[in-house]
């Protein structure tokens, strides 16, 4: 179904899956390519594997990378830096442009959850991206984390991050946090468990608090207006409790034309994945496929 490939970003080997259209043959006219970036868990597995497969069946070349430090990519474990992951995305675009059969002038970006943040950010700064889809995306890191907490919890959490930053810059001592203490999965609709063999790599469960500090400063919504006149599609779940619908609506309002926003009825965050909700995934797939067919 895919080829295991690697490309380099900041000198690190980034592992990725490359999917080719089933009906493409060497010598055929070039096709569009789409880089598909995953969420905060960082791996090219359950979170994004369904969309690149189906987009390749629809006639697109697709590339799904592990971020640096995740999966089988090189890099420091326990380090989640949005701007570094954005660089992995830029370099994934460059790699895809080298693949035989890909039209380098027709490149799209698809991102889910925190990957939706990278899709917006990367498109804003890279005019090679001709069409973008952000599905259940985070668009303001600090606002997102605040929405997941009660007011007193937020004040305590933010104070912890600020104090850890002061400790880090004065002593170089670093504090860590369990990933699901940064954000929690939806207890009523979690992604199903997968074996290590199915994942293909160990999960990164512990991060440094500088990762949270970096998330506070990551606000793709501030730059989304730079993407226009290139088109952006937003997809959100009506009942998403992990990334509230307000994230999509606020970024959509700041985005220029052409743009479109699609609601998954009664959809939770993980319903954008086929394994959780085939019907809503199919809705997201049809909207995404139609968007890229129209604009790439």
Foldseek 3Di string as FASTA:
>chain_A
DWDWDWDDFPRWTKIKTKAAAPPDDFPDAAAAEEEEEEAPQQAQAQRTVVQQVVLNPVPYIYMYIRQDQHQPIHHPHQAAALVSSLRVVVVVLVVQVVDRRHDQQQYAYEYAACGLLSRLQNLLVDVSHQEYEYELYAAALLVLQVLLDDPVVSVVVVVVLVVQVVCCVVPVDWDKDFPCVSPNADPVQGDDDDDCVNRNGDTRGMHTSVNSVSSNPRGSLVRQQSNPPREYEYEYECPESRRHPVRVVSSQVSHDPDYYYYYQYNDYRCCCGCRRPVVSVVVVSVVVSVRSVVGD
